[in-house]
Amino acid sequence: MMHPSIPPRARPSLARGLPLRSFLVLPFALQIFAAVGLTGWLSIRNGQRAVNDVASQLRIEVATCYPRSSRLHSNLFHRWTFYR
């Protein structure tokens, strides 16, 4: 709604076609979207790093434990086939 006492030329050119409500709400909405987007991106990135860290720890543990367990299982298999 235009104020009758202010001529259209007196208003700044940026706000001529933009209502005051949109002019005030738009920056806040952009800040909220930026904050939510940044938080989500950081969360996903840190989650991926944590998963990769746990996966590498598991690979190291399996690589160090597998030779012992494979020897135990092979010994048991040979015993089982020997007594059968």
N, C-alpha and C. Protein backbone atom coordinates (compact mmCIF):
# COMPACT_ATOMS: atom_id res chain seq x y z
N MET A 1 0.85 -1.18 0.00
CA MET A 1 0.00 0.00 0.00
C MET A 1 0.89 1.23 0.00
N MET A 2 0.63 2.13 -0.89
CA MET A 2 1.44 3.34 -1.00
C MET A 2 0.88 4.44 -0.11
N HIS A 3 1.81 5.18 0.43
CA HIS A 3 1.41 6.33 1.24
C HIS A 3 1.14 7.48 0.29
N PRO A 4 -0.01 8.14 0.41
CA PRO A 4 -0.36 9.16 -0.58
C PRO A 4 0.53 10.40 -0.54
N SER A 5 1.15 10.71 0.61
CA SER A 5 1.92 11.95 0.68
C SER A 5 3.34 11.79 0.14
N ILE A 6 3.84 10.56 -0.04
CA ILE A 6 5.19 10.35 -0.56
C ILE A 6 5.08 10.00 -2.04
N PRO A 7 5.64 10.83 -2.89
CA PRO A 7 5.58 10.52 -4.32
C PRO A 7 6.46 9.31 -4.63
N PRO A 8 6.15 8.54 -5.68
CA PRO A 8 6.91 7.34 -6.01
C PRO A 8 8.37 7.63 -6.32
N ARG A 9 8.69 8.80 -6.81
CA ARG A 9 10.08 9.10 -7.15
C ARG A 9 10.94 9.32 -5.91
N ALA A 10 10.34 9.63 -4.78
CA ALA A 10 11.10 9.89 -3.56
C ALA A 10 11.59 8.59 -2.92
N ARG A 11 10.93 7.48 -3.22
CA ARG A 11 11.36 6.19 -2.67
C ARG A 11 12.59 5.68 -3.41
N PRO A 12 13.46 4.93 -2.72
CA PRO A 12 14.64 4.38 -3.41
C PRO A 12 14.22 3.38 -4.49
N SER A 13 15.05 3.25 -5.51
CA SER A 13 14.69 2.39 -6.64
C SER A 13 14.65 0.91 -6.25
N LEU A 14 15.43 0.50 -5.24
CA LEU A 14 15.44 -0.90 -4.82
C LEU A 14 14.11 -1.30 -4.21
N ALA A 15 13.50 -0.40 -3.46
CA ALA A 15 12.28 -0.73 -2.74
C ALA A 15 11.01 -0.34 -3.48
N ARG A 16 11.10 0.11 -4.70
CA ARG A 16 9.89 0.53 -5.42
C ARG A 16 8.92 -0.62 -5.64
N GLY A 17 9.40 -1.77 -6.08
CA GLY A 17 8.49 -2.86 -6.37
C GLY A 17 8.45 -3.91 -5.26
N LEU A 18 9.19 -3.71 -4.18
CA LEU A 18 9.30 -4.69 -3.11
C LEU A 18 8.56 -4.21 -1.86
N PRO A 19 7.60 -4.96 -1.37
CA PRO A 19 6.90 -4.54 -0.15
C PRO A 19 7.85 -4.54 1.05
N LEU A 20 7.51 -3.72 2.02
CA LEU A 20 8.36 -3.57 3.20
C LEU A 20 8.50 -4.88 3.95
N ARG A 21 7.44 -5.67 4.04
CA ARG A 21 7.51 -6.95 4.73
C ARG A 21 8.55 -7.87 4.08
N SER A 22 8.52 -7.95 2.76
CA SER A 22 9.50 -8.79 2.05
C SER A 22 10.90 -8.23 2.21
N PHE A 23 11.02 -6.92 2.20
CA PHE A 23 12.32 -6.27 2.33
C PHE A 23 12.94 -6.57 3.69
N LEU A 24 12.13 -6.72 4.73
CA LEU A 24 12.64 -7.00 6.07
C LEU A 24 12.80 -8.50 6.34
N VAL A 25 11.92 -9.33 5.80
CA VAL A 25 11.93 -10.76 6.09
C VAL A 25 12.98 -11.50 5.27
N LEU A 26 13.21 -11.08 4.06
CA LEU A 26 14.12 -11.79 3.15
C LEU A 26 15.53 -11.98 3.72
N PRO A 27 16.17 -10.96 4.27
CA PRO A 27 17.52 -11.18 4.83
C PRO A 27 17.54 -12.19 5.98
N PHE A 28 16.54 -12.14 6.84
CA PHE A 28 16.48 -13.09 7.95
C PHE A 28 16.25 -14.51 7.45
N ALA A 29 15.39 -14.67 6.45
CA ALA A 29 15.14 -16.00 5.90
C ALA A 29 16.41 -16.54 5.24
N LEU A 30 17.14 -15.70 4.54
CA LEU A 30 18.39 -16.13 3.92
C LEU A 30 19.42 -16.54 4.98
N GLN A 31 19.50 -15.82 6.08
CA GLN A 31 20.42 -16.18 7.16
C GLN A 31 20.04 -17.52 7.77
N ILE A 32 18.76 -17.75 7.96
CA ILE A 32 18.31 -19.02 8.54
C ILE A 32 18.63 -20.17 7.60
N PHE A 33 18.34 -20.02 6.32
CA PHE A 33 18.65 -21.07 5.35
C PHE A 33 20.15 -21.33 5.28
N ALA A 34 20.94 -20.28 5.33
CA ALA A 34 22.40 -20.45 5.28
C ALA A 34 22.90 -21.18 6.53
N ALA A 35 22.37 -20.82 7.69
CA ALA A 35 22.81 -21.47 8.93
C ALA A 35 22.41 -22.94 8.95
N VAL A 36 21.20 -23.24 8.53
CA VAL A 36 20.74 -24.63 8.51
C VAL A 36 21.53 -25.44 7.48
N GLY A 37 21.77 -24.87 6.32
CA GLY A 37 22.54 -25.56 5.30
C GLY A 37 23.97 -25.83 5.74
N LEU A 38 24.61 -24.84 6.35
CA LEU A 38 25.98 -25.01 6.83
C LEU A 38 26.05 -26.05 7.94
N THR A 39 25.10 -26.03 8.85
CA THR A 39 25.07 -27.00 9.93
C THR A 39 24.88 -28.41 9.38
N GLY A 40 23.98 -28.57 8.43
CA GLY A 40 23.76 -29.89 7.83
C GLY A 40 24.98 -30.39 7.09
N TRP A 41 25.63 -29.51 6.35
CA TRP A 41 26.84 -29.91 5.60
C TRP A 41 27.95 -30.32 6.55
N LEU A 42 28.17 -29.54 7.62
CA LEU A 42 29.20 -29.90 8.59
C LEU A 42 28.88 -31.21 9.30
N SER A 43 27.62 -31.43 9.59
CA SER A 43 27.21 -32.66 10.25
C SER A 43 27.47 -33.87 9.36
N ILE A 44 27.11 -33.77 8.10
CA ILE A 44 27.34 -34.89 7.17
C ILE A 44 28.83 -35.15 7.00
N ARG A 45 29.61 -34.08 6.85
CA ARG A 45 31.05 -34.23 6.65
C ARG A 45 31.71 -34.87 7.87
N ASN A 46 31.35 -34.43 9.07
CA ASN A 46 31.94 -35.01 10.28
C ASN A 46 31.46 -36.44 10.49
N GLY A 47 30.22 -36.73 10.11
CA GLY A 47 29.73 -38.10 10.20
C GLY A 47 30.48 -39.04 9.28
N GLN A 48 30.76 -38.58 8.07
CA GLN A 48 31.53 -39.40 7.14
C GLN A 48 32.94 -39.64 7.65
N ARG A 49 33.54 -38.62 8.24
CA ARG A 49 34.89 -38.80 8.81
C ARG A 49 34.88 -39.81 9.95
N ALA A 50 33.86 -39.74 10.80
CA ALA A 50 33.77 -40.69 11.91
C ALA A 50 33.59 -42.12 11.42
N VAL A 51 32.74 -42.30 10.41
CA VAL A 51 32.52 -43.64 9.86
C VAL A 51 33.80 -44.17 9.22
N ASN A 52 34.50 -43.33 8.48
CA ASN A 52 35.75 -43.76 7.86
C ASN A 52 36.79 -44.11 8.92
N ASP A 53 36.84 -43.37 10.01
CA ASP A 53 37.78 -43.66 11.09
C ASP A 53 37.48 -45.00 11.74
N VAL A 54 36.21 -45.26 12.04
CA VAL A 54 35.84 -46.54 12.64
C VAL A 54 36.10 -47.69 11.68
N ALA A 55 35.83 -47.48 10.40
CA ALA A 55 36.06 -48.53 9.40
C ALA A 55 37.55 -48.86 9.30
N SER A 56 38.41 -47.84 9.34
CA SER A 56 39.84 -48.12 9.26
C SER A 56 40.33 -48.82 10.52
N GLN A 57 39.80 -48.45 11.68
CA GLN A 57 40.16 -49.16 12.91
C GLN A 57 39.74 -50.62 12.84
N LEU A 58 38.57 -50.88 12.29
CA LEU A 58 38.08 -52.25 12.16
C LEU A 58 38.94 -53.04 11.19
N ARG A 59 39.33 -52.42 10.08
CA ARG A 59 40.22 -53.10 9.13
C ARG A 59 41.54 -53.47 9.78
N ILE A 60 42.10 -52.57 10.56
CA ILE A 60 43.37 -52.85 11.24
C ILE A 60 43.20 -53.99 12.23
N GLU A 61 42.11 -53.96 12.99
CA GLU A 61 41.86 -55.02 13.98
C GLU A 61 41.67 -56.38 13.30
N VAL A 62 40.91 -56.40 12.22
CA VAL A 62 40.69 -57.66 11.51
C VAL A 62 41.99 -58.16 10.90
N ALA A 63 42.80 -57.25 10.36
CA ALA A 63 44.06 -57.66 9.74
C ALA A 63 45.03 -58.23 10.77
N THR A 64 45.00 -57.71 11.99
CA THR A 64 45.91 -58.23 13.02
C THR A 64 45.37 -59.50 13.66
N CYS A 65 44.08 -59.67 13.73
CA CYS A 65 43.50 -60.84 14.40
C CYS A 65 43.27 -62.01 13.45
N TYR A 66 43.15 -61.75 12.17
CA TYR A 66 42.81 -62.82 11.22
C TYR A 66 43.87 -63.91 11.15
N PRO A 67 45.15 -63.62 11.10
CA PRO A 67 46.13 -64.72 11.02
C PRO A 67 46.04 -65.68 12.21
N ARG A 68 45.81 -65.15 13.40
CA ARG A 68 45.68 -66.03 14.58
C ARG A 68 44.45 -66.90 14.49
N SER A 69 43.32 -66.31 14.10
CA SER A 69 42.09 -67.09 14.04
C SER A 69 42.12 -68.09 12.89
N SER A 70 42.78 -67.74 11.78
CA SER A 70 42.83 -68.69 10.66
C SER A 70 43.70 -69.90 11.01
N ARG A 71 44.79 -69.66 11.78
CA ARG A 71 45.60 -70.81 12.21
C ARG A 71 44.82 -71.71 13.16
N LEU A 72 44.08 -71.13 14.06
CA LEU A 72 43.28 -71.90 15.00
C LEU A 72 42.24 -72.72 14.26
N HIS A 73 41.55 -72.11 13.33
CA HIS A 73 40.52 -72.82 12.58
C HIS A 73 41.11 -73.92 11.70
N SER A 74 42.24 -73.65 11.10
CA SER A 74 42.84 -74.69 10.25
C SER A 74 43.31 -75.87 11.10
N ASN A 75 43.83 -75.60 12.29
CA ASN A 75 44.23 -76.69 13.19
C ASN A 75 43.01 -77.52 13.60
N LEU A 76 41.93 -76.85 13.91
CA LEU A 76 40.72 -77.57 14.30
C LEU A 76 40.18 -78.39 13.13
N PHE A 77 40.24 -77.84 11.93
CA PHE A 77 39.76 -78.56 10.75
C PHE A 77 40.59 -79.82 10.51
N HIS A 78 41.93 -79.69 10.62
CA HIS A 78 42.79 -80.86 10.43
C HIS A 78 42.54 -81.92 11.50
N ARG A 79 42.32 -81.49 12.71
CA ARG A 79 42.02 -82.46 13.78
C ARG A 79 40.71 -83.16 13.52
N TRP A 80 39.72 -82.38 13.08
CA TRP A 80 38.39 -82.93 12.84
C TRP A 80 38.46 -83.97 11.70
N THR A 81 39.18 -83.64 10.63
CA THR A 81 39.27 -84.58 9.51
C THR A 81 40.15 -85.78 9.85
N PHE A 82 41.12 -85.62 10.75
CA PHE A 82 42.00 -86.72 11.14
C PHE A 82 41.23 -87.75 11.96
N TYR A 83 40.42 -87.30 12.89
CA TYR A 83 39.70 -88.23 13.74
C TYR A 83 38.45 -88.80 13.10
N ARG A 84 38.06 -88.33 12.01
CA ARG A 84 36.85 -88.77 11.34
C ARG A 84 37.10 -89.99 10.59
